[in-house]
Amino acid sequence: MLIPMYFIIGIWGGEQRIYASVKFFLYTMFGSLLMLISIIWLAVNSVSVLGHFSTDLIELYSVAPSFEQTLQMWMFFAFALVSQSKYRCFRFTPGFLMLAVQAPTAV
């Protein structure tokens, strides 16, 4: 969905459409990569607790209290930042206003 949106905004957007589409692409790609890194980091650290590699959420929820406090804190902040960059909960993302102005009406 990221690449089609990049082209839709870049082709049919307003006057600063290229700047807005690049900014949208970079913020969204950063959020996606941070989420991927966080999930991989969580799965790799599950080996020390479970004894095997796991991405099963039910299994990870059951052993979550045995993860180190720093790991829990960094995972929380990583997912909070990712969710904010993906869903634009706050005005922390400076590219969202430009995207809303420059994107075509259908977007």
PDB file of N, CA and C in Angstrom:
ATOM      1  N   MET A   1       0.811  -1.188   0.000  1.00  0.00           N
ATOM      2  CA  MET A   1       0.000   0.000   0.000  1.00  0.00           C
ATOM      3  C   MET A   1       0.863   1.263   0.000  1.00  0.00           C
ATOM      4  N   LEU A   2       2.070   1.141   0.490  1.00  0.00           N
ATOM      5  CA  LEU A   2       2.944   2.307   0.583  1.00  0.00           C
ATOM      6  C   LEU A   2       3.356   2.822  -0.799  1.00  0.00           C
ATOM      7  N   ILE A   3       3.764   1.934  -1.670  1.00  0.00           N
ATOM      8  CA  ILE A   3       4.255   2.358  -2.983  1.00  0.00           C
ATOM      9  C   ILE A   3       3.134   2.921  -3.863  1.00  0.00           C
ATOM     10  N   PRO A   4       1.938   2.298  -3.922  1.00  0.00           N
ATOM     11  CA  PRO A   4       0.863   2.947  -4.692  1.00  0.00           C
ATOM     12  C   PRO A   4       0.481   4.327  -4.153  1.00  0.00           C
ATOM     13  N   MET A   5       0.452   4.488  -2.841  1.00  0.00           N
ATOM     14  CA  MET A   5       0.132   5.794  -2.262  1.00  0.00           C
ATOM     15  C   MET A   5       1.201   6.822  -2.625  1.00  0.00           C
ATOM     16  N   TYR A   6       2.451   6.388  -2.641  1.00  0.00           N
ATOM     17  CA  TYR A   6       3.546   7.279  -3.038  1.00  0.00           C
ATOM     18  C   TYR A   6       3.309   7.813  -4.450  1.00  0.00           C
ATOM     19  N   PHE A   7       2.945   6.918  -5.364  1.00  0.00           N
ATOM     20  CA  PHE A   7       2.731   7.344  -6.745  1.00  0.00           C
ATOM     21  C   PHE A   7       1.450   8.155  -6.908  1.00  0.00           C
ATOM     22  N   ILE A   8       0.395   7.803  -6.186  1.00  0.00           N
ATOM     23  CA  ILE A   8      -0.855   8.569  -6.281  1.00  0.00           C
ATOM     24  C   ILE A   8      -0.631  10.005  -5.829  1.00  0.00           C
ATOM     25  N   ILE A   9       0.045  10.160  -4.699  1.00  0.00           N
ATOM     26  CA  ILE A   9       0.315  11.510  -4.197  1.00  0.00           C
ATOM     27  C   ILE A   9       1.304  12.229  -5.110  1.00  0.00           C
ATOM     28  N   GLY A  10       2.342  11.511  -5.568  1.00  0.00           N
ATOM     29  CA  GLY A  10       3.365  12.126  -6.408  1.00  0.00           C
ATOM     30  C   GLY A  10       2.877  12.543  -7.776  1.00  0.00           C
ATOM     31  N   ILE A  11       1.896  11.840  -8.322  1.00  0.00           N
ATOM     32  CA  ILE A  11       1.412  12.162  -9.669  1.00  0.00           C
ATOM     33  C   ILE A  11       0.244  13.142  -9.633  1.00  0.00           C
ATOM     34  N   TRP A  12      -0.740  12.877  -8.769  1.00  0.00           N
ATOM     35  CA  TRP A  12      -1.967  13.673  -8.791  1.00  0.00           C
ATOM     36  C   TRP A  12      -2.109  14.620  -7.606  1.00  0.00           C
ATOM     37  N   GLY A  13      -1.054  14.851  -6.864  1.00  0.00           N
ATOM     38  CA  GLY A  13      -1.127  15.734  -5.702  1.00  0.00           C
ATOM     39  C   GLY A  13      -1.107  17.209  -6.071  1.00  0.00           C
ATOM     40  N   GLY A  14      -0.977  18.038  -5.060  1.00  0.00           N
ATOM     41  CA  GLY A  14      -0.968  19.491  -5.236  1.00  0.00           C
ATOM     42  C   GLY A  14       0.378  20.004  -5.714  1.00  0.00           C
ATOM     43  N   GLU A  15       0.653  21.265  -5.430  1.00  0.00           N
ATOM     44  CA  GLU A  15       1.866  21.921  -5.917  1.00  0.00           C
ATOM     45  C   GLU A  15       3.141  21.296  -5.360  1.00  0.00           C
ATOM     46  N   GLN A  16       3.158  20.950  -4.093  1.00  0.00           N
ATOM     47  CA  GLN A  16       4.347  20.353  -3.463  1.00  0.00           C
ATOM     48  C   GLN A  16       4.182  18.840  -3.319  1.00  0.00           C
ATOM     49  N   ARG A  17       3.641  18.203  -4.333  1.00  0.00           N
ATOM     50  CA  ARG A  17       3.314  16.779  -4.254  1.00  0.00           C
ATOM     51  C   ARG A  17       4.547  15.892  -4.120  1.00  0.00           C
ATOM     52  N   ILE A  18       5.634  16.231  -4.777  1.00  0.00           N
ATOM     53  CA  ILE A  18       6.842  15.402  -4.703  1.00  0.00           C
ATOM     54  C   ILE A  18       7.411  15.432  -3.291  1.00  0.00           C
ATOM     55  N   TYR A  19       7.502  16.608  -2.714  1.00  0.00           N
ATOM     56  CA  TYR A  19       8.010  16.750  -1.346  1.00  0.00           C
ATOM     57  C   TYR A  19       7.115  15.997  -0.363  1.00  0.00           C
ATOM     58  N   ALA A  20       5.801  16.128  -0.521  1.00  0.00           N
ATOM     59  CA  ALA A  20       4.861  15.459   0.383  1.00  0.00           C
ATOM     60  C   ALA A  20       4.927  13.947   0.225  1.00  0.00           C
ATOM     61  N   SER A  21       5.047  13.454  -1.004  1.00  0.00           N
ATOM     62  CA  SER A  21       5.080  12.008  -1.210  1.00  0.00           C
ATOM     63  C   SER A  21       6.381  11.398  -0.690  1.00  0.00           C
ATOM     64  N   VAL A  22       7.493  12.091  -0.856  1.00  0.00           N
ATOM     65  CA  VAL A  22       8.766  11.588  -0.321  1.00  0.00           C
ATOM     66  C   VAL A  22       8.735  11.583   1.202  1.00  0.00           C
ATOM     67  N   LYS A  23       8.201  12.638   1.788  1.00  0.00           N
ATOM     68  CA  LYS A  23       8.097  12.715   3.248  1.00  0.00           C
ATOM     69  C   LYS A  23       7.191  11.606   3.788  1.00  0.00           C
ATOM     70  N   PHE A  24       6.056  11.385   3.126  1.00  0.00           N
ATOM     71  CA  PHE A  24       5.145  10.305   3.500  1.00  0.00           C
ATOM     72  C   PHE A  24       5.842   8.956   3.398  1.00  0.00           C
ATOM     73  N   PHE A  25       6.570   8.735   2.306  1.00  0.00           N
ATOM     74  CA  PHE A  25       7.267   7.470   2.099  1.00  0.00           C
ATOM     75  C   PHE A  25       8.311   7.230   3.187  1.00  0.00           C
ATOM     76  N   LEU A  26       9.102   8.245   3.503  1.00  0.00           N
ATOM     77  CA  LEU A  26      10.171   8.079   4.491  1.00  0.00           C
ATOM     78  C   LEU A  26       9.621   7.821   5.890  1.00  0.00           C
ATOM     79  N   TYR A  27       8.615   8.583   6.309  1.00  0.00           N
ATOM     80  CA  TYR A  27       8.037   8.374   7.639  1.00  0.00           C
ATOM     81  C   TYR A  27       7.391   6.996   7.755  1.00  0.00           C
ATOM     82  N   THR A  28       6.652   6.591   6.729  1.00  0.00           N
ATOM     83  CA  THR A  28       5.978   5.301   6.781  1.00  0.00           C
ATOM     84  C   THR A  28       6.979   4.155   6.695  1.00  0.00           C
ATOM     85  N   MET A  29       8.003   4.297   5.876  1.00  0.00           N
ATOM     86  CA  MET A  29       9.021   3.253   5.771  1.00  0.00           C
ATOM     87  C   MET A  29       9.806   3.123   7.070  1.00  0.00           C
ATOM     88  N   PHE A  30      10.134   4.247   7.708  1.00  0.00           N
ATOM     89  CA  PHE A  30      10.816   4.205   9.000  1.00  0.00           C
ATOM     90  C   PHE A  30       9.970   3.455  10.027  1.00  0.00           C
ATOM     91  N   GLY A  31       8.682   3.742  10.063  1.00  0.00           N
ATOM     92  CA  GLY A  31       7.792   3.054  10.994  1.00  0.00           C
ATOM     93  C   GLY A  31       7.712   1.565  10.712  1.00  0.00           C
ATOM     94  N   SER A  32       7.647   1.195   9.447  1.00  0.00           N
ATOM     95  CA  SER A  32       7.572  -0.220   9.084  1.00  0.00           C
ATOM     96  C   SER A  32       8.851  -0.961   9.452  1.00  0.00           C
ATOM     97  N   LEU A  33       9.992  -0.352   9.179  1.00  0.00           N
ATOM     98  CA  LEU A  33      11.264  -1.000   9.515  1.00  0.00           C
ATOM     99  C   LEU A  33      11.454  -1.122  11.021  1.00  0.00           C
ATOM    100  N   LEU A  34      11.054  -0.099  11.770  1.00  0.00           N
ATOM    101  CA  LEU A  34      11.159  -0.168  13.224  1.00  0.00           C
ATOM    102  C   LEU A  34      10.262  -1.266  13.784  1.00  0.00           C
ATOM    103  N   MET A  35       9.065  -1.432  13.214  1.00  0.00           N
ATOM    104  CA  MET A  35       8.177  -2.494  13.667  1.00  0.00           C
ATOM    105  C   MET A  35       8.774  -3.867  13.346  1.00  0.00           C
ATOM    106  N   LEU A  36       9.324  -4.027  12.156  1.00  0.00           N
ATOM    107  CA  LEU A  36       9.938  -5.294  11.781  1.00  0.00           C
ATOM    108  C   LEU A  36      11.116  -5.619  12.685  1.00  0.00           C
ATOM    109  N   ILE A  37      11.961  -4.642  12.949  1.00  0.00           N
ATOM    110  CA  ILE A  37      13.105  -4.853  13.838  1.00  0.00           C
ATOM    111  C   ILE A  37      12.637  -5.206  15.242  1.00  0.00           C
ATOM    112  N   SER A  38      11.586  -4.561  15.725  1.00  0.00           N
ATOM    113  CA  SER A  38      11.067  -4.841  17.066  1.00  0.00           C
ATOM    114  C   SER A  38      10.519  -6.256  17.167  1.00  0.00           C
ATOM    115  N   ILE A  39       9.798  -6.701  16.152  1.00  0.00           N
ATOM    116  CA  ILE A  39       9.244  -8.057  16.166  1.00  0.00           C
ATOM    117  C   ILE A  39      10.360  -9.091  16.102  1.00  0.00           C
ATOM    118  N   ILE A  40      11.356  -8.862  15.257  1.00  0.00           N
ATOM    119  CA  ILE A  40      12.487  -9.795  15.176  1.00  0.00           C
ATOM    120  C   ILE A  40      13.261  -9.815  16.485  1.00  0.00           C
ATOM    121  N   TRP A  41      13.462  -8.643  17.091  1.00  0.00           N
ATOM    122  CA  TRP A  41      14.170  -8.556  18.367  1.00  0.00           C
ATOM    123  C   TRP A  41      13.424  -9.313  19.458  1.00  0.00           C
ATOM    124  N   LEU A  42      12.105  -9.194  19.476  1.00  0.00           N
ATOM    125  CA  LEU A  42      11.293  -9.917  20.449  1.00  0.00           C
ATOM    126  C   LEU A  42      11.388 -11.423  20.230  1.00  0.00           C
ATOM    127  N   ALA A  43      11.341 -11.854  18.982  1.00  0.00           N
ATOM    128  CA  ALA A  43      11.430 -13.281  18.687  1.00  0.00           C
ATOM    129  C   ALA A  43      12.805 -13.844  19.036  1.00  0.00           C
ATOM    130  N   VAL A  44      13.860 -13.090  18.768  1.00  0.00           N
ATOM    131  CA  VAL A  44      15.213 -13.554  19.099  1.00  0.00           C
ATOM    132  C   VAL A  44      15.397 -13.639  20.608  1.00  0.00           C
ATOM    133  N   ASN A  45      14.868 -12.661  21.347  1.00  0.00           N
ATOM    134  CA  ASN A  45      14.984 -12.697  22.802  1.00  0.00           C
ATOM    135  C   ASN A  45      14.096 -13.755  23.439  1.00  0.00           C
ATOM    136  N   SER A  46      13.138 -14.283  22.694  1.00  0.00           N
ATOM    137  CA  SER A  46      12.310 -15.359  23.239  1.00  0.00           C
ATOM    138  C   SER A  46      13.110 -16.650  23.389  1.00  0.00           C
ATOM    139  N   VAL A  47      14.207 -16.768  22.666  1.00  0.00           N
ATOM    140  CA  VAL A  47      15.047 -17.967  22.772  1.00  0.00           C
ATOM    141  C   VAL A  47      15.624 -18.100  24.172  1.00  0.00           C
ATOM    142  N   SER A  48      16.047 -16.985  24.772  1.00  0.00           N
ATOM    143  CA  SER A  48      16.644 -17.054  26.106  1.00  0.00           C
ATOM    144  C   SER A  48      15.624 -17.417  27.172  1.00  0.00           C
ATOM    145  N   VAL A  49      14.364 -17.104  26.949  1.00  0.00           N
ATOM    146  CA  VAL A  49      13.330 -17.390  27.946  1.00  0.00           C
ATOM    147  C   VAL A  49      12.678 -18.742  27.694  1.00  0.00           C
ATOM    148  N   LEU A  50      12.322 -19.016  26.441  1.00  0.00           N
ATOM    149  CA  LEU A  50      11.598 -20.241  26.113  1.00  0.00           C
ATOM    150  C   LEU A  50      12.513 -21.422  25.805  1.00  0.00           C
ATOM    151  N   GLY A  51      13.704 -21.129  25.338  1.00  0.00           N
ATOM    152  CA  GLY A  51      14.599 -22.196  24.928  1.00  0.00           C
ATOM    153  C   GLY A  51      14.495 -22.511  23.450  1.00  0.00           C
ATOM    154  N   HIS A  52      13.550 -21.908  22.768  1.00  0.00           N
ATOM    155  CA  HIS A  52      13.410 -22.081  21.325  1.00  0.00           C
ATOM    156  C   HIS A  52      12.872 -20.786  20.716  1.00  0.00           C
ATOM    157  N   PHE A  53      13.056 -20.656  19.414  1.00  0.00           N
ATOM    158  CA  PHE A  53      12.617 -19.467  18.678  1.00  0.00           C
ATOM    159  C   PHE A  53      11.103 -19.509  18.521  1.00  0.00           C
ATOM    160  N   SER A  54      10.425 -18.430  18.889  1.00  0.00           N
ATOM    161  CA  SER A  54       8.965 -18.427  18.805  1.00  0.00           C
ATOM    162  C   SER A  54       8.446 -17.037  18.457  1.00  0.00           C
ATOM    163  N   THR A  55       7.429 -17.020  17.602  1.00  0.00           N
ATOM    164  CA  THR A  55       6.690 -15.792  17.330  1.00  0.00           C
ATOM    165  C   THR A  55       5.216 -15.961  17.699  1.00  0.00           C
ATOM    166  N   ASP A  56       4.907 -17.025  18.415  1.00  0.00           N
ATOM    167  CA  ASP A  56       3.539 -17.281  18.860  1.00  0.00           C
ATOM    168  C   ASP A  56       3.174 -16.290  19.963  1.00  0.00           C
ATOM    169  N   LEU A  57       2.175 -15.451  19.717  1.00  0.00           N
ATOM    170  CA  LEU A  57       1.838 -14.399  20.673  1.00  0.00           C
ATOM    171  C   LEU A  57       1.325 -14.953  21.998  1.00  0.00           C
ATOM    172  N   ILE A  58       0.563 -16.027  21.963  1.00  0.00           N
ATOM    173  CA  ILE A  58       0.048 -16.618  23.205  1.00  0.00           C
ATOM    174  C   ILE A  58       1.212 -17.092  24.070  1.00  0.00           C
ATOM    175  N   GLU A  59       2.179 -17.717  23.443  1.00  0.00           N
ATOM    176  CA  GLU A  59       3.360 -18.190  24.169  1.00  0.00           C
ATOM    177  C   GLU A  59       4.187 -17.017  24.702  1.00  0.00           C
ATOM    178  N   LEU A  60       4.335 -15.964  23.899  1.00  0.00           N
ATOM    179  CA  LEU A  60       5.094 -14.794  24.343  1.00  0.00           C
ATOM    180  C   LEU A  60       4.376 -14.047  25.459  1.00  0.00           C
ATOM    181  N   TYR A  61       3.037 -13.984  25.413  1.00  0.00           N
ATOM    182  CA  TYR A  61       2.283 -13.348  26.499  1.00  0.00           C
ATOM    183  C   TYR A  61       2.470 -14.097  27.805  1.00  0.00           C
ATOM    184  N   SER A  62       2.541 -15.415  27.738  1.00  0.00           N
ATOM    185  CA  SER A  62       2.660 -16.198  28.972  1.00  0.00           C
ATOM    186  C   SER A  62       4.025 -16.032  29.636  1.00  0.00           C
ATOM    187  N   VAL A  63       5.058 -15.758  28.856  1.00  0.00           N
ATOM    188  CA  VAL A  63       6.398 -15.605  29.431  1.00  0.00           C
ATOM    189  C   VAL A  63       6.853 -14.150  29.484  1.00  0.00           C
ATOM    190  N   ALA A  64       5.985 -13.215  29.149  1.00  0.00           N
ATOM    191  CA  ALA A  64       6.361 -11.792  29.121  1.00  0.00           C
ATOM    192  C   ALA A  64       6.910 -11.284  30.444  1.00  0.00           C
ATOM    193  N   PRO A  65       6.365 -11.685  31.610  1.00  0.00           N
ATOM    194  CA  PRO A  65       6.939 -11.179  32.865  1.00  0.00           C
ATOM    195  C   PRO A  65       8.388 -11.612  33.098  1.00  0.00           C
ATOM    196  N   SER A  66       8.833 -12.674  32.447  1.00  0.00           N
ATOM    197  CA  SER A  66      10.206 -13.128  32.662  1.00  0.00           C
ATOM    198  C   SER A  66      11.214 -12.428  31.748  1.00  0.00           C
ATOM    199  N   PHE A  67      10.751 -11.593  30.819  1.00  0.00           N
ATOM    200  CA  PHE A  67      11.676 -10.791  30.024  1.00  0.00           C
ATOM    201  C   PHE A  67      12.295  -9.712  30.902  1.00  0.00           C
ATOM    202  N   GLU A  68      13.486  -9.271  30.540  1.00  0.00           N
ATOM    203  CA  GLU A  68      14.153  -8.215  31.306  1.00  0.00           C
ATOM    204  C   GLU A  68      13.341  -6.925  31.239  1.00  0.00           C
ATOM    205  N   GLN A  69      13.449  -6.137  32.292  1.00  0.00           N
ATOM    206  CA  GLN A  69      12.700  -4.878  32.366  1.00  0.00           C
ATOM    207  C   GLN A  69      13.110  -3.915  31.251  1.00  0.00           C
ATOM    208  N   THR A  70      14.405  -3.877  30.925  1.00  0.00           N
ATOM    209  CA  THR A  70      14.854  -2.965  29.863  1.00  0.00           C
ATOM    210  C   THR A  70      14.312  -3.390  28.502  1.00  0.00           C
ATOM    211  N   LEU A  71      14.242  -4.704  28.255  1.00  0.00           N
ATOM    212  CA  LEU A  71      13.672  -5.188  26.997  1.00  0.00           C
ATOM    213  C   LEU A  71      12.209  -4.786  26.893  1.00  0.00           C
ATOM    214  N   GLN A  72      11.471  -4.950  27.977  1.00  0.00           N
ATOM    215  CA  GLN A  72      10.061  -4.565  27.971  1.00  0.00           C
ATOM    216  C   GLN A  72       9.899  -3.071  27.715  1.00  0.00           C
ATOM    217  N   MET A  73      10.760  -2.261  28.325  1.00  0.00           N
ATOM    218  CA  MET A  73      10.667  -0.815  28.152  1.00  0.00           C
ATOM    219  C   MET A  73      10.965  -0.412  26.704  1.00  0.00           C
ATOM    220  N   TRP A  74      12.035  -0.960  26.121  1.00  0.00           N
ATOM    221  CA  TRP A  74      12.398  -0.604  24.753  1.00  0.00           C
ATOM    222  C   TRP A  74      11.358  -1.096  23.752  1.00  0.00           C
ATOM    223  N   MET A  75      10.788  -2.270  24.003  1.00  0.00           N
ATOM    224  CA  MET A  75       9.741  -2.770  23.116  1.00  0.00           C
ATOM    225  C   MET A  75       8.503  -1.879  23.184  1.00  0.00           C
ATOM    226  N   PHE A  76       8.149  -1.434  24.387  1.00  0.00           N
ATOM    227  CA  PHE A  76       7.010  -0.531  24.529  1.00  0.00           C
ATOM    228  C   PHE A  76       7.239   0.761  23.753  1.00  0.00           C
ATOM    229  N   PHE A  77       8.407   1.370  23.932  1.00  0.00           N
ATOM    230  CA  PHE A  77       8.683   2.630  23.243  1.00  0.00           C
ATOM    231  C   PHE A  77       8.764   2.444  21.729  1.00  0.00           C
ATOM    232  N   ALA A  78       9.318   1.323  21.284  1.00  0.00           N
ATOM    233  CA  ALA A  78       9.398   1.073  19.845  1.00  0.00           C
ATOM    234  C   ALA A  78       8.006   0.930  19.245  1.00  0.00           C
ATOM    235  N   PHE A  79       7.146   0.133  19.882  1.00  0.00           N
ATOM    236  CA  PHE A  79       5.798  -0.043  19.346  1.00  0.00           C
ATOM    237  C   PHE A  79       4.955   1.216  19.493  1.00  0.00           C
ATOM    238  N   ALA A  80       5.179   1.998  20.541  1.00  0.00           N
ATOM    239  CA  ALA A  80       4.452   3.266  20.688  1.00  0.00           C
ATOM    240  C   ALA A  80       4.849   4.231  19.575  1.00  0.00           C
ATOM    241  N   LEU A  81       6.134   4.309  19.267  1.00  0.00           N
ATOM    242  CA  LEU A  81       6.597   5.188  18.191  1.00  0.00           C
ATOM    243  C   LEU A  81       6.086   4.711  16.837  1.00  0.00           C
ATOM    244  N   VAL A  82       6.102   3.399  16.637  1.00  0.00           N
ATOM    245  CA  VAL A  82       5.613   2.845  15.376  1.00  0.00           C
ATOM    246  C   VAL A  82       4.127   3.123  15.206  1.00  0.00           C
ATOM    247  N   SER A  83       3.350   2.884  16.246  1.00  0.00           N
ATOM    248  CA  SER A  83       1.910   3.109  16.118  1.00  0.00           C
ATOM    249  C   SER A  83       1.606   4.584  15.895  1.00  0.00           C
ATOM    250  N   GLN A  84       2.394   5.458  16.490  1.00  0.00           N
ATOM    251  CA  GLN A  84       2.180   6.890  16.275  1.00  0.00           C
ATOM    252  C   GLN A  84       2.523   7.277  14.842  1.00  0.00           C
ATOM    253  N   SER A  85       3.596   6.721  14.307  1.00  0.00           N
ATOM    254  CA  SER A  85       3.970   7.087  12.940  1.00  0.00           C
ATOM    255  C   SER A  85       3.028   6.463  11.920  1.00  0.00           C
ATOM    256  N   LYS A  86       2.448   5.321  12.241  1.00  0.00           N
ATOM    257  CA  LYS A  86       1.518   4.673  11.324  1.00  0.00           C
ATOM    258  C   LYS A  86       0.139   5.311  11.354  1.00  0.00           C
ATOM    259  N   TYR A  87      -0.350   5.612  12.554  1.00  0.00           N
ATOM    260  CA  TYR A  87      -1.736   6.049  12.694  1.00  0.00           C
ATOM    261  C   TYR A  87      -1.867   7.531  12.993  1.00  0.00           C
ATOM    262  N   ARG A  88      -0.769   8.226  13.158  1.00  0.00           N
ATOM    263  CA  ARG A  88      -0.733   9.670  13.391  1.00  0.00           C
ATOM    264  C   ARG A  88      -1.673  10.084  14.519  1.00  0.00           C
ATOM    265  N   CYS A  89      -1.430   9.503  15.690  1.00  0.00           N
ATOM    266  CA  CYS A  89      -2.270   9.757  16.864  1.00  0.00           C
ATOM    267  C   CYS A  89      -2.110  11.178  17.374  1.00  0.00           C
ATOM    268  N   PHE A  90      -0.912  11.696  17.300  1.00  0.00           N
ATOM    269  CA  PHE A  90      -0.622  13.016  17.839  1.00  0.00           C
ATOM    270  C   PHE A  90      -0.057  13.883  16.729  1.00  0.00           C
ATOM    271  N   ARG A  91       0.201  15.113  17.004  1.00  0.00           N
ATOM    272  CA  ARG A  91       0.776  16.003  16.001  1.00  0.00           C
ATOM    273  C   ARG A  91       2.292  15.881  15.983  1.00  0.00           C
ATOM    274  N   PHE A  92       2.807  14.735  16.358  1.00  0.00           N
ATOM    275  CA  PHE A  92       4.240  14.490  16.388  1.00  0.00           C
ATOM    276  C   PHE A  92       4.797  14.315  14.978  1.00  0.00           C
ATOM    277  N   THR A  93       3.972  13.847  14.055  1.00  0.00           N
ATOM    278  CA  THR A  93       4.409  13.590  12.700  1.00  0.00           C
ATOM    279  C   THR A  93       4.233  14.846  11.855  1.00  0.00           C
ATOM    280  N   PRO A  94       5.315  15.537  11.515  1.00  0.00           N
ATOM    281  CA  PRO A  94       5.178  16.794  10.769  1.00  0.00           C
ATOM    282  C   PRO A  94       4.746  16.602   9.322  1.00  0.00           C
ATOM    283  N   GLY A  95       4.891  15.413   8.780  1.00  0.00           N
ATOM    284  CA  GLY A  95       4.525  15.199   7.388  1.00  0.00           C
ATOM    285  C   GLY A  95       3.047  15.000   7.160  1.00  0.00           C
ATOM    286  N   PHE A  96       2.288  14.761   8.216  1.00  0.00           N
ATOM    287  CA  PHE A  96       0.871  14.449   8.031  1.00  0.00           C
ATOM    288  C   PHE A  96       0.073  15.638   7.530  1.00  0.00           C
ATOM    289  N   LEU A  97       0.332  16.823   8.052  1.00  0.00           N
ATOM    290  CA  LEU A  97      -0.417  17.999   7.613  1.00  0.00           C
ATOM    291  C   LEU A  97      -0.143  18.298   6.143  1.00  0.00           C
ATOM    292  N   MET A  98       1.116  18.211   5.737  1.00  0.00           N
ATOM    293  CA  MET A  98       1.442  18.445   4.331  1.00  0.00           C
ATOM    294  C   MET A  98       0.811  17.371   3.458  1.00  0.00           C
ATOM    295  N   LEU A  99       0.794  16.135   3.936  1.00  0.00           N
ATOM    296  CA  LEU A  99       0.184  15.053   3.173  1.00  0.00           C
ATOM    297  C   LEU A  99      -1.308  15.301   3.003  1.00  0.00           C
ATOM    298  N   ALA A 100      -1.974  15.754   4.059  1.00  0.00           N
ATOM    299  CA  ALA A 100      -3.409  16.011   3.979  1.00  0.00           C
ATOM    300  C   ALA A 100      -3.721  17.149   3.009  1.00  0.00           C
ATOM    301  N   VAL A 101      -2.840  18.124   2.908  1.00  0.00           N
ATOM    302  CA  VAL A 101      -3.069  19.260   2.008  1.00  0.00           C
ATOM    303  C   VAL A 101      -2.717  18.898   0.566  1.00  0.00           C
ATOM    304  N   GLN A 102      -1.631  18.175   0.346  1.00  0.00           N
ATOM    305  CA  GLN A 102      -1.130  17.923  -1.001  1.00  0.00           C
ATOM    306  C   GLN A 102      -1.744  16.697  -1.671  1.00  0.00           C
ATOM    307  N   ALA A 103      -2.305  15.774  -0.913  1.00  0.00           N
ATOM    308  CA  ALA A 103      -2.851  14.553  -1.502  1.00  0.00           C
ATOM    309  C   ALA A 103      -4.121  14.866  -2.291  1.00  0.00           C
ATOM    310  N   PRO A 104      -4.387  14.081  -3.346  1.00  0.00           N
ATOM    311  CA  PRO A 104      -5.635  14.285  -4.069  1.00  0.00           C
ATOM    312  C   PRO A 104      -6.837  13.932  -3.188  1.00  0.00           C
ATOM    313  N   THR A 105      -8.004  14.374  -3.575  1.00  0.00           N
ATOM    314  CA  THR A 105      -9.199  14.214  -2.756  1.00  0.00           C
ATOM    315  C   THR A 105      -9.515  12.752  -2.471  1.00  0.00           C
ATOM    316  N   ALA A 106      -9.301  11.868  -3.420  1.00  0.00           N
ATOM    317  CA  ALA A 106      -9.625  10.451  -3.229  1.00  0.00           C
ATOM    318  C   ALA A 106      -8.770   9.799  -2.159  1.00  0.00           C
ATOM    319  N   VAL A 107      -7.588  10.315  -1.906  1.00  0.00           N
ATOM    320  CA  VAL A 107      -6.703   9.736  -0.904  1.00  0.00           C
ATOM    321  C   VAL A 107      -7.159  10.198   0.446  1.00  0.00           C
TER     322      VAL A 107
END
